[in-house]
C-alpha atoms as a PDB file:
ATOM      1  CA  MET A   1     -10.326   3.941   1.887  1.00  0.00           C
ATOM      2  CA  SER A   2     -12.188   0.614   1.568  1.00  0.00           C
ATOM      3  CA  ARG A   3      -9.943  -2.416   1.152  1.00  0.00           C
ATOM      4  CA  PRO A   4     -12.142  -5.513   1.539  1.00  0.00           C
ATOM      5  CA  ASP A   5      -9.512  -7.588  -0.275  1.00  0.00           C
ATOM      6  CA  LEU A   6      -6.895  -7.113   2.451  1.00  0.00           C
ATOM      7  CA  TYR A   7      -6.977  -9.397   5.483  1.00  0.00           C
ATOM      8  CA  ARG A   8      -4.866  -9.180   8.589  1.00  0.00           C
ATOM      9  CA  SER A   9      -3.263 -12.350   9.922  1.00  0.00           C
ATOM     10  CA  GLY A  10      -2.844 -10.936  13.435  1.00  0.00           C
ATOM     11  CA  ASN A  11      -6.555 -10.866  14.155  1.00  0.00           C
ATOM     12  CA  THR A  12      -8.922 -13.384  15.746  1.00  0.00           C
ATOM     13  CA  THR A  13     -11.550 -12.684  13.075  1.00  0.00           C
ATOM     14  CA  SER A  14      -9.142 -13.436  10.227  1.00  0.00           C
ATOM     15  CA  PRO A  15      -8.898 -16.791   8.420  1.00  0.00           C
ATOM     16  CA  LYS A  16      -5.445 -15.668   7.189  1.00  0.00           C
ATOM     17  CA  LEU A  17      -6.776 -15.004   3.716  1.00  0.00           C
ATOM     18  CA  ASP A  18      -3.710 -12.823   3.185  1.00  0.00           C
ATOM     19  CA  ASN A  19      -1.760 -16.084   2.800  1.00  0.00           C
ATOM     20  CA  VAL A  20      -3.705 -17.162  -0.281  1.00  0.00           C
ATOM     21  CA  ARG A  21      -1.706 -17.814  -3.441  1.00  0.00           C
ATOM     22  CA  LYS A  22      -2.710 -18.568  -7.005  1.00  0.00           C
ATOM     23  CA  GLY A  23      -3.231 -22.308  -7.371  1.00  0.00           C
ATOM     24  CA  THR A  24      -3.142 -22.825  -3.619  1.00  0.00           C
ATOM     25  CA  ASP A  25      -6.425 -22.277  -1.825  1.00  0.00           C
ATOM     26  CA  ILE A  26      -6.539 -21.690   1.896  1.00  0.00           C
ATOM     27  CA  LYS A  27      -6.864 -24.957   3.821  1.00  0.00           C
ATOM     28  CA  SER A  28     -10.404 -24.497   5.096  1.00  0.00           C
ATOM     29  CA  ALA A  29     -12.180 -23.243   1.962  1.00  0.00           C
ATOM     30  CA  SER A  30     -11.736 -22.617  -1.749  1.00  0.00           C
ATOM     31  CA  LEU A  31     -12.048 -19.062  -3.002  1.00  0.00           C
ATOM     32  CA  GLY A  32     -15.328 -19.983  -4.668  1.00  0.00           C
ATOM     33  CA  THR A  33     -17.096 -18.604  -7.725  1.00  0.00           C
ATOM     34  CA  GLY A  34     -16.406 -14.995  -8.626  1.00  0.00           C
ATOM     35  CA  LEU A  35     -13.095 -14.632  -6.759  1.00  0.00           C
ATOM     36  CA  THR A  36      -9.491 -15.252  -7.740  1.00  0.00           C
ATOM     37  CA  ALA A  37      -6.017 -14.735  -6.296  1.00  0.00           C
ATOM     38  CA  LYS A  38      -4.243 -11.931  -8.143  1.00  0.00           C
ATOM     39  CA  ASN A  39      -0.546 -11.178  -7.954  1.00  0.00           C
ATOM     40  CA  ASP A  40       0.167  -7.511  -7.332  1.00  0.00           C
ATOM     41  CA  HIS A  41       3.823  -6.628  -8.042  1.00  0.00           C
ATOM     42  CA  GLY A  42       5.613  -9.838  -7.186  1.00  0.00           C
ATOM     43  CA  THR A  43       5.218 -10.557  -3.485  1.00  0.00           C
ATOM     44  CA  HIS A  44       1.776  -9.140  -2.706  1.00  0.00           C
ATOM     45  CA  TRP A  45      -1.402 -11.049  -3.468  1.00  0.00           C
ATOM     46  CA  LEU A  46      -5.026 -10.032  -3.152  1.00  0.00           C
ATOM     47  CA  ILE A  47      -8.413 -11.644  -3.554  1.00  0.00           C
ATOM     48  CA  ALA A  48      -9.915 -10.029  -6.631  1.00  0.00           C
ATOM     49  CA  PRO A  49     -13.219 -10.419  -8.506  1.00  0.00           C
ATOM     50  CA  THR A  50     -12.986 -12.543 -11.647  1.00  0.00           C
ATOM     51  CA  SER A  51     -15.049  -9.983 -13.565  1.00  0.00           C
ATOM     52  CA  ALA A  52     -16.429  -6.475 -13.168  1.00  0.00           C
ATOM     53  CA  MET A  53     -19.066  -6.328 -10.454  1.00  0.00           C
ATOM     54  CA  LYS A  54     -20.635  -3.899  -8.038  1.00  0.00           C
ATOM     55  CA  PHE A  55     -18.689  -3.190  -4.864  1.00  0.00           C
ATOM     56  CA  ASP A  56     -21.465  -4.556  -2.639  1.00  0.00           C
ATOM     57  CA  GLU A  57     -21.490  -7.810  -4.626  1.00  0.00           C
ATOM     58  CA  TYR A  58     -17.732  -8.140  -4.201  1.00  0.00           C
ATOM     59  CA  VAL A  59     -17.993  -7.566  -0.445  1.00  0.00           C
ATOM     60  CA  SER A  60     -20.794 -10.143  -0.293  1.00  0.00           C
ATOM     61  CA  LEU A  61     -18.592 -12.774  -1.967  1.00  0.00           C
ATOM     62  CA  LEU A  62     -15.801 -12.025   0.501  1.00  0.00           C
ATOM     63  CA  ARG A  63     -18.208 -12.400   3.406  1.00  0.00           C
ATOM     64  CA  VAL A  64     -19.335 -15.790   2.096  1.00  0.00           C
ATOM     65  CA  LEU A  65     -15.709 -16.899   1.828  1.00  0.00           C
ATOM     66  CA  ASN A  66     -14.972 -15.555   5.297  1.00  0.00           C
ATOM     67  CA  SER A  67     -17.926 -17.461   6.759  1.00  0.00           C
ATOM     68  CA  LYS A  68     -16.557 -20.763   5.413  1.00  0.00           C
ATOM     69  CA  CYS A  69     -13.104 -20.322   6.893  1.00  0.00           C
ATOM     70  CA  LYS A  70     -11.715 -21.470  10.188  1.00  0.00           C
ATOM     71  CA  LYS A  71     -10.584 -18.442  12.146  1.00  0.00           C
ATOM     72  CA  ALA A  72      -6.973 -18.126  13.203  1.00  0.00           C
ATOM     73  CA  GLY A  73      -7.630 -17.875  16.947  1.00  0.00           C
ATOM     74  CA  THR A  74      -5.758 -15.887  19.582  1.00  0.00           C
ATOM     75  CA  ARG A  75      -2.531 -17.918  19.552  1.00  0.00           C
ATOM     76  CA  ALA A  76      -2.313 -17.978  15.768  1.00  0.00           C
ATOM     77  CA  ALA A  77      -3.085 -14.273  15.741  1.00  0.00           C
ATOM     78  CA  GLU A  78      -0.176 -13.543  18.072  1.00  0.00           C
ATOM     79  CA  GLU A  79       2.108 -15.709  15.937  1.00  0.00           C
ATOM     80  CA  GLY A  80       0.861 -13.887  12.860  1.00  0.00           C
ATOM     81  CA  ILE A  81       1.815 -10.525  14.330  1.00  0.00           C
ATOM     82  CA  ALA A  82       5.278 -11.776  15.288  1.00  0.00           C
ATOM     83  CA  GLU A  83       5.778 -13.251  11.825  1.00  0.00           C
ATOM     84  CA  ALA A  84       4.670 -10.038  10.128  1.00  0.00           C
ATOM     85  CA  PHE A  85       7.175  -7.918  12.015  1.00  0.00           C
ATOM     86  CA  THR A  86       9.965 -10.485  11.623  1.00  0.00           C
ATOM     87  CA  VAL A  87       9.819 -10.242   7.831  1.00  0.00           C
ATOM     88  CA  HIS A  88       9.501  -6.452   7.905  1.00  0.00           C
ATOM     89  CA  ILE A  89      13.117  -5.747   6.961  1.00  0.00           C
ATOM     90  CA  PRO A  90      14.532  -2.401   5.762  1.00  0.00           C
ATOM     91  CA  LEU A  91      14.562  -1.763   2.036  1.00  0.00           C
ATOM     92  CA  PRO A  92      17.905  -1.240   0.280  1.00  0.00           C
ATOM     93  CA  ALA A  93      18.954   2.134  -1.097  1.00  0.00           C
ATOM     94  CA  SER A  94      17.465   3.004  -4.472  1.00  0.00           C
ATOM     95  CA  LYS A  95      19.470   1.893  -7.496  1.00  0.00           C
ATOM     96  CA  SER A  96      17.525   3.996  -9.985  1.00  0.00           C
ATOM     97  CA  ALA A  97      19.367   6.505 -12.161  1.00  0.00           C
ATOM     98  CA  SER A  98      16.279   8.746 -12.040  1.00  0.00           C
ATOM     99  CA  LYS A  99      16.312  11.345  -9.277  1.00  0.00           C
ATOM    100  CA  THR A 100      12.520  11.563  -9.392  1.00  0.00           C
ATOM    101  CA  ILE A 101      12.155   7.828  -8.861  1.00  0.00           C
ATOM    102  CA  ARG A 102      14.638   7.984  -5.994  1.00  0.00           C
ATOM    103  CA  VAL A 103      12.636  10.751  -4.302  1.00  0.00           C
ATOM    104  CA  VAL A 104       9.384   8.777  -4.536  1.00  0.00           C
ATOM    105  CA  TYR A 105      11.139   5.566  -3.498  1.00  0.00           C
ATOM    106  CA  ASN A 106      12.685   7.208  -0.441  1.00  0.00           C
ATOM    107  CA  ALA A 107       9.304   8.545   0.668  1.00  0.00           C
ATOM    108  CA  LEU A 108       7.637   5.136   0.323  1.00  0.00           C
ATOM    109  CA  SER A 109      10.605   3.406   1.941  1.00  0.00           C
ATOM    110  CA  ALA A 110      10.392   5.719   4.957  1.00  0.00           C
ATOM    111  CA  VAL A 111       6.701   4.943   5.470  1.00  0.00           C
ATOM    112  CA  TYR A 112       7.375   1.217   5.083  1.00  0.00           C
ATOM    113  CA  ARG A 113      10.263   1.387   7.568  1.00  0.00           C
ATOM    114  CA  ASP A 114       8.802   3.697  10.213  1.00  0.00           C
ATOM    115  CA  MET A 115       5.172   2.579   9.936  1.00  0.00           C
ATOM    116  CA  PRO A 116       3.664   5.932  11.013  1.00  0.00           C
ATOM    117  CA  GLN A 117       0.135   5.595  12.307  1.00  0.00           C
ATOM    118  CA  ILE A 118      -2.340   5.756   9.424  1.00  0.00           C
ATOM    119  CA  ALA A 119      -6.041   5.258  10.094  1.00  0.00           C
ATOM    120  CA  SER A 120      -7.288   1.749   9.164  1.00  0.00           C
ATOM    121  CA  TRP A 121      -3.836   0.539   8.062  1.00  0.00           C
ATOM    122  CA  ASP A 122      -2.294  -2.694   9.342  1.00  0.00           C
ATOM    123  CA  GLU A 123       0.998  -4.478   8.650  1.00  0.00           C
ATOM    124  CA  ASN A 124      -0.226  -5.722   5.268  1.00  0.00           C
ATOM    125  CA  ASP A 125      -0.729  -2.145   4.086  1.00  0.00           C
ATOM    126  CA  TYR A 126       2.760  -1.062   5.088  1.00  0.00           C
ATOM    127  CA  ALA A 127       4.205  -4.195   3.472  1.00  0.00           C
ATOM    128  CA  TYR A 128       2.347  -3.329   0.271  1.00  0.00           C
ATOM    129  CA  VAL A 129       3.927   0.133   0.250  1.00  0.00           C
ATOM    130  CA  GLY A 130       7.313  -1.587   0.449  1.00  0.00           C
ATOM    131  CA  VAL A 131       6.359  -3.803  -2.494  1.00  0.00           C
ATOM    132  CA  LEU A 132       5.348  -0.744  -4.526  1.00  0.00           C
ATOM    133  CA  ALA A 133       8.603   1.025  -3.674  1.00  0.00           C
ATOM    134  CA  CYS A 134      10.658  -1.928  -4.919  1.00  0.00           C
ATOM    135  CA  ALA A 135       8.530  -2.289  -8.056  1.00  0.00           C
ATOM    136  CA  LEU A 136       9.060   1.392  -8.827  1.00  0.00           C
ATOM    137  CA  ASP A 137      12.808   1.181  -8.271  1.00  0.00           C
ATOM    138  CA  SER A 138      13.173  -1.928 -10.445  1.00  0.00           C
ATOM    139  CA  GLY A 139      11.127  -0.445 -13.270  1.00  0.00           C
ATOM    140  CA  GLU A 140       8.312  -2.973 -12.956  1.00  0.00           C
ATOM    141  CA  LEU A 141       6.059  -0.085 -11.931  1.00  0.00           C
ATOM    142  CA  SER A 142       6.535   3.065 -14.001  1.00  0.00           C
ATOM    143  CA  LEU A 143       6.200   6.601 -12.683  1.00  0.00           C
ATOM    144  CA  GLU A 144       3.342   7.082 -15.120  1.00  0.00           C
ATOM    145  CA  SER A 145       1.494   4.124 -13.597  1.00  0.00           C
ATOM    146  CA  ALA A 146       2.210   5.343 -10.071  1.00  0.00           C
ATOM    147  CA  ALA A 147       0.397   8.631 -10.701  1.00  0.00           C
ATOM    148  CA  TRP A 148      -3.195   9.438 -11.607  1.00  0.00           C
ATOM    149  CA  SER A 149      -3.454   9.430 -15.397  1.00  0.00           C
ATOM    150  CA  GLY A 150      -5.687  12.442 -15.887  1.00  0.00           C
ATOM    151  CA  GLU A 151      -9.189  13.842 -16.159  1.00  0.00           C
ATOM    152  CA  GLU A 152     -12.021  11.293 -15.886  1.00  0.00           C
ATOM    153  CA  ALA A 153      -9.529   8.490 -15.231  1.00  0.00           C
ATOM    154  CA  GLU A 154     -10.141   6.194 -12.284  1.00  0.00           C
ATOM    155  CA  SER A 155      -7.365   5.929  -9.731  1.00  0.00           C
ATOM    156  CA  THR A 156      -5.833   2.527  -9.090  1.00  0.00           C
ATOM    157  CA  LYS A 157      -5.194   0.814  -5.787  1.00  0.00           C
ATOM    158  CA  ALA A 158      -1.440   1.337  -6.194  1.00  0.00           C
ATOM    159  CA  GLN A 159      -1.905   5.040  -6.954  1.00  0.00           C
ATOM    160  CA  ARG A 160      -4.038   5.568  -3.853  1.00  0.00           C
ATOM    161  CA  PHE A 161      -1.590   3.768  -1.583  1.00  0.00           C
ATOM    162  CA  ILE A 162       1.352   5.694  -3.007  1.00  0.00           C
ATOM    163  CA  ALA A 163      -0.443   9.028  -2.688  1.00  0.00           C
ATOM    164  CA  GLN A 164      -1.520   8.416   0.905  1.00  0.00           C
ATOM    165  CA  ALA A 165       1.914   7.165   1.955  1.00  0.00           C
ATOM    166  CA  VAL A 166       3.635  10.134   0.313  1.00  0.00           C
ATOM    167  CA  ALA A 167       1.193  12.586   1.905  1.00  0.00           C
ATOM    168  CA  VAL A 168       1.839  11.148   5.374  1.00  0.00           C
ATOM    169  CA  HIS A 169       5.592  11.201   4.745  1.00  0.00           C
ATOM    170  CA  MET A 170       5.531  14.876   3.745  1.00  0.00           C
ATOM    171  CA  GLN A 171       3.426  15.783   6.774  1.00  0.00           C
ATOM    172  CA  MET A 172       5.843  14.030   9.127  1.00  0.00           C
ATOM    173  CA  GLU A 173       8.842  15.739   7.559  1.00  0.00           C
ATOM    174  CA  LYS A 174       7.186  19.136   7.900  1.00  0.00           C
ATOM    175  CA  GLN A 175       6.518  18.467  11.579  1.00  0.00           C
ATOM    176  CA  ARG A 176      10.096  17.329  12.109  1.00  0.00           C
ATOM    177  CA  LEU A 177      11.500  20.503  10.535  1.00  0.00           C
ATOM    178  CA  VAL A 178       9.064  22.964  12.110  1.00  0.00           C
ATOM    179  CA  SER A 179      11.768  24.424  14.336  1.00  0.00           C
ATOM    180  CA  ALA A 180      14.521  24.416  11.707  1.00  0.00           C
ATOM    181  CA  GLU A 181      15.734  27.598  10.043  1.00  0.00           C
ATOM    182  CA  ASP A 182      13.860  28.361   6.834  1.00  0.00           C
ATOM    183  CA  GLU A 183      17.022  28.702   4.770  1.00  0.00           C
ATOM    184  CA  SER A 184      18.855  25.660   6.123  1.00  0.00           C
ATOM    185  CA  ASP A 185      20.035  23.109   3.563  1.00  0.00           C
ATOM    186  CA  GLU A 186      17.832  20.418   5.064  1.00  0.00           C
ATOM    187  CA  VAL A 187      14.696  22.556   4.801  1.00  0.00           C
ATOM    188  CA  VAL A 188      15.501  23.624   1.245  1.00  0.00           C
ATOM    189  CA  ASN A 189      16.224  20.059   0.136  1.00  0.00           C
ATOM    190  CA  THR A 190      13.088  18.749   1.829  1.00  0.00           C
ATOM    191  CA  ASN A 191      10.922  21.405   0.191  1.00  0.00           C
ATOM    192  CA  ASN A 192      12.447  20.560  -3.182  1.00  0.00           C
ATOM    193  CA  ASP A 193      11.693  16.869  -2.673  1.00  0.00           C
ATOM    194  CA  HIS A 194       8.120  17.660  -1.676  1.00  0.00           C
ATOM    195  CA  ALA A 195       7.682  19.758  -4.806  1.00  0.00           C
ATOM    196  CA  VAL A 196       8.869  16.795  -6.879  1.00  0.00           C
ATOM    197  CA  LEU A 197       6.468  14.423  -5.108  1.00  0.00           C
ATOM    198  CA  ILE A 198       3.487  16.721  -5.539  1.00  0.00           C
ATOM    199  CA  SER A 199       4.300  17.357  -9.188  1.00  0.00           C
ATOM    200  CA  VAL A 200       5.019  13.812 -10.341  1.00  0.00           C
ATOM    201  CA  LEU A 201       1.998  12.354  -8.507  1.00  0.00           C
ATOM    202  CA  LYS A 202      -0.206  15.258  -9.642  1.00  0.00           C
ATOM    203  CA  LEU A 203      -1.292  15.963  -6.091  1.00  0.00           C
ATOM    204  CA  ASP A 204      -1.717  19.640  -6.955  1.00  0.00           C
ATOM    205  CA  ASN A 205      -4.521  18.840  -9.402  1.00  0.00           C
ATOM    206  CA  PRO A 206      -7.908  19.224  -7.666  1.00  0.00           C
ATOM    207  CA  GLN A 207      -9.432  16.688 -10.073  1.00  0.00           C
ATOM    208  CA  ASN A 208      -7.059  13.997  -8.858  1.00  0.00           C
ATOM    209  CA  PRO A 209      -9.052  11.742  -6.467  1.00  0.00           C
ATOM    210  CA  SER A 210      -5.913  11.217  -4.368  1.00  0.00           C
ATOM    211  CA  THR A 211      -5.712  14.886  -3.366  1.00  0.00           C
ATOM    212  CA  VAL A 212      -7.981  13.946  -0.443  1.00  0.00           C
ATOM    213  CA  PHE A 213      -4.851  12.589   1.247  1.00  0.00           C
ATOM    214  CA  VAL A 214      -2.853  15.808   1.006  1.00  0.00           C
END
C-alpha cells in the first residue's frame, strides 16, 4: 500500500511533516503549490493534492517539499518516538447501540492498542486506525463509508486501512484460538464476529480491492 502522504516523526529522514496543520505550515518550508493540509476525521491530518493529478506527480511534489525541509535529526527522532508512544492511549469501550459497529470498532481498537506488526506501518498508521475507530463509533464515519461501495467503485484510504486492520485482527484471533475446542463459546463468538466483519466490509466479494488483505 503506497502512502506518500504519511510521514514518520521518529525518523532521521523526516522533516516531521506529520505535524502539519491547516493554516500552519511547517517551520522550514511552506507546503507549496499543488499541496494542502487536509483534515481526516478530526485528529489526523495528511498532505493532499489540491486537485486531481497523477500519482507520480503527487510524489514529485512531496519530494520537492521534503527537499526544502530541515530534517529532524537523531535526537528529535528519538523524542518523536517517545512522544508518539506517550499519546498512544487505550480507546474507551464502544458506546454505539449497533452491534455491527461495536464489532468493527473492537477489531480496530485491538489493532490500535496492540500494534501487531504490519509491513510498512509505523505509529502514524496505528494512530490513524484509532482515529477511524472513534469516528465510526461517534457516527462521523458511517458503516457504509467504511466499506467498499460496490462494482467499479474506487476504494478510499479509510476503507483500505480498515480492511487491512480487520484482516490482521482476524488472523491473530484465529492463531490465538487454534488450540481451543471448536464448539467452545469463545470460538463460536469469534467466528460470528468474523462473519460480521467479512460481511459488512464486503471482504467476501472478489471484486473488492481490499480482499487482497484477507
